[in-house]
């Protein structure tokens, strides 16, 4: 499946990341869609000129399990958890490739306008400790 066949949301995240990344990595970075890393396809692969590479997965509801409270309350980041196969994929990518993988939960972020999405993605990347490294 190519990016052209993917959701418009996936394309939107890729476009917004294209605007956000230069502010976080002023020395530059390369962003690629649908990259194969040791047999694992990642939605977006980012390789900063000065910094550690990382991946961004655009995840729908099937990538998450929920707690019992989600049966009676709206879904939030607090009452759901990444499901097992997705967690193992991320762990393997970190162990085999040294690639940290960030998750963008479609069912949360699709409620954001573009400015909110930019803020969210910046915060997600910064919170993961990903930054431009000094030489």
Protein backbone atom coordinates (compact mmCIF):
# COMPACT_ATOMS: atom_id res chain seq x y z
CA UNK A 1 0.00 0.00 0.00
CA UNK A 2 1.48 3.35 -1.01
CA UNK A 3 0.92 6.78 0.49
CA UNK A 4 -1.45 7.61 -2.38
CA UNK A 5 -3.66 4.76 -1.19
CA UNK A 6 -3.44 5.77 2.46
CA UNK A 7 -5.85 7.98 4.30
CA UNK A 8 -6.04 11.71 3.83
CA UNK A 9 -5.23 11.92 7.53
CA UNK A 10 -1.88 10.16 6.99
CA UNK A 11 -1.12 12.65 4.22
CA UNK A 12 -2.11 15.53 6.50
CA UNK A 13 0.25 14.36 9.27
CA UNK A 14 3.06 14.03 6.72
CA UNK A 15 2.40 17.57 5.42
CA UNK A 16 2.20 19.12 8.89
CA UNK A 17 5.39 17.32 9.94
CA UNK A 18 7.02 18.86 6.87
CA UNK A 19 6.26 22.27 8.41
CA UNK A 20 7.16 21.35 12.01
CA UNK A 21 10.45 19.50 11.47
CA UNK A 22 12.50 22.52 10.25
CA UNK A 23 11.67 24.35 13.49
CA UNK A 24 12.94 21.45 15.60
CA UNK A 25 15.85 20.42 13.37
CA UNK A 26 17.24 23.64 11.82
CA UNK A 27 20.19 21.78 10.25
CA UNK A 28 17.68 19.79 8.23
CA UNK A 29 16.25 16.31 8.05
CA UNK A 30 14.89 13.88 5.48
CA UNK A 31 11.31 12.65 5.76
CA UNK A 32 10.17 9.57 3.87
CA UNK A 33 6.79 7.86 3.72
CA UNK A 34 6.27 4.11 3.93
CA UNK A 35 9.81 2.93 4.74
CA UNK A 36 10.83 -0.70 5.25
CA UNK A 37 13.08 -1.13 8.31
CA UNK A 38 14.15 -4.75 8.72
CA UNK A 39 10.80 -5.97 7.42
CA UNK A 40 8.73 -3.48 9.43
CA UNK A 41 6.96 -0.80 7.42
CA UNK A 42 6.76 2.55 9.19
CA UNK A 43 4.39 5.29 8.05
CA UNK A 44 6.97 8.09 8.28
CA UNK A 45 10.73 7.85 8.77
CA UNK A 46 12.64 10.96 9.78
CA UNK A 47 16.43 11.18 9.67
CA UNK A 48 17.73 14.47 11.07
CA UNK A 49 21.08 15.71 9.75
CA UNK A 50 22.18 16.12 13.37
CA UNK A 51 20.23 13.74 15.57
CA UNK A 52 18.81 10.28 15.95
CA UNK A 53 16.43 8.90 13.33
CA UNK A 54 12.86 8.23 14.39
CA UNK A 55 9.58 6.99 12.98
CA UNK A 56 6.03 8.25 13.24
CA UNK A 57 3.13 5.84 13.01
CA UNK A 58 -0.34 7.18 12.22
CA UNK A 59 -2.50 4.81 14.24
CA UNK A 60 -6.23 4.23 14.13
CA UNK A 61 -8.37 2.69 16.86
CA UNK A 62 -7.35 -0.88 16.01
CA UNK A 63 -3.86 -0.15 17.37
CA UNK A 64 -5.27 0.50 20.85
CA UNK A 65 -7.01 -1.41 23.60
CA UNK A 66 -9.14 0.35 26.18
CA UNK A 67 -9.65 0.15 29.92
CA UNK A 68 -13.02 -0.65 31.46
CA UNK A 69 -13.68 3.08 32.02
CA UNK A 70 -13.74 3.55 28.23
CA UNK A 71 -16.98 1.58 28.12
CA UNK A 72 -18.82 4.37 29.91
CA UNK A 73 -16.62 7.41 29.19
CA UNK A 74 -15.27 9.03 26.02
CA UNK A 75 -11.98 7.62 24.75
CA UNK A 76 -9.00 9.56 26.01
CA UNK A 77 -5.26 8.98 26.04
CA UNK A 78 -5.62 8.04 29.71
CA UNK A 79 -8.08 5.17 29.21
CA UNK A 80 -6.46 3.40 26.30
CA UNK A 81 -3.20 1.60 25.65
CA UNK A 82 -1.25 0.55 22.56
CA UNK A 83 -2.21 -3.01 21.67
CA UNK A 84 0.39 -5.79 21.90
CA UNK A 85 1.52 -6.20 18.29
CA UNK A 86 2.05 -2.47 17.86
CA UNK A 87 4.02 -2.27 21.11
CA UNK A 88 6.22 -5.21 20.06
CA UNK A 89 6.87 -3.63 16.65
CA UNK A 90 8.02 -0.42 18.31
CA UNK A 91 10.25 -2.30 20.76
CA UNK A 92 11.82 -4.34 17.95
CA UNK A 93 12.47 -1.23 15.86
CA UNK A 94 14.24 0.35 18.82
CA UNK A 95 16.28 -2.78 19.56
CA UNK A 96 17.17 -3.73 15.97
CA UNK A 97 17.46 -0.34 14.29
CA UNK A 98 17.82 2.13 17.16
CA UNK A 99 14.70 3.87 15.86
CA UNK A 100 12.29 5.34 18.38
CA UNK A 101 8.71 5.21 17.10
CA UNK A 102 6.11 7.84 17.97
CA UNK A 103 2.39 7.19 17.70
CA UNK A 104 -0.13 9.71 16.43
CA UNK A 105 -3.59 8.48 17.44
CA UNK A 106 -5.92 9.40 14.61
CA UNK A 107 -9.05 9.41 16.77
CA UNK A 108 -7.58 12.13 19.01
CA UNK A 109 -5.64 14.28 16.58
CA UNK A 110 -8.26 14.39 13.81
CA UNK A 111 -10.25 16.75 16.04
CA UNK A 112 -7.44 19.33 15.90
CA UNK A 113 -7.15 22.21 13.48
CA UNK A 114 -3.79 22.64 11.72
CA UNK A 115 -2.26 24.91 14.39
CA UNK A 116 -3.26 22.54 17.20
CA UNK A 117 -1.83 19.65 15.19
CA UNK A 118 1.49 21.48 14.80
CA UNK A 119 1.65 22.13 18.55
CA UNK A 120 0.78 18.51 19.29
CA UNK A 121 3.45 17.11 16.95
CA UNK A 122 6.12 19.47 18.32
CA UNK A 123 5.24 18.44 21.86
CA UNK A 124 5.23 14.74 20.93
CA UNK A 125 8.72 14.96 19.40
CA UNK A 126 10.14 17.08 22.23
CA UNK A 127 8.58 14.86 24.91
CA UNK A 128 10.29 11.84 23.31
CA UNK A 129 13.61 13.59 23.84
CA UNK A 130 14.29 13.90 20.11
CA UNK A 131 16.25 17.01 19.24
CA UNK A 132 19.02 18.35 17.09
CA UNK A 133 22.37 17.31 18.51
CA UNK A 134 25.28 19.68 18.88
CA UNK A 135 28.59 18.62 17.41
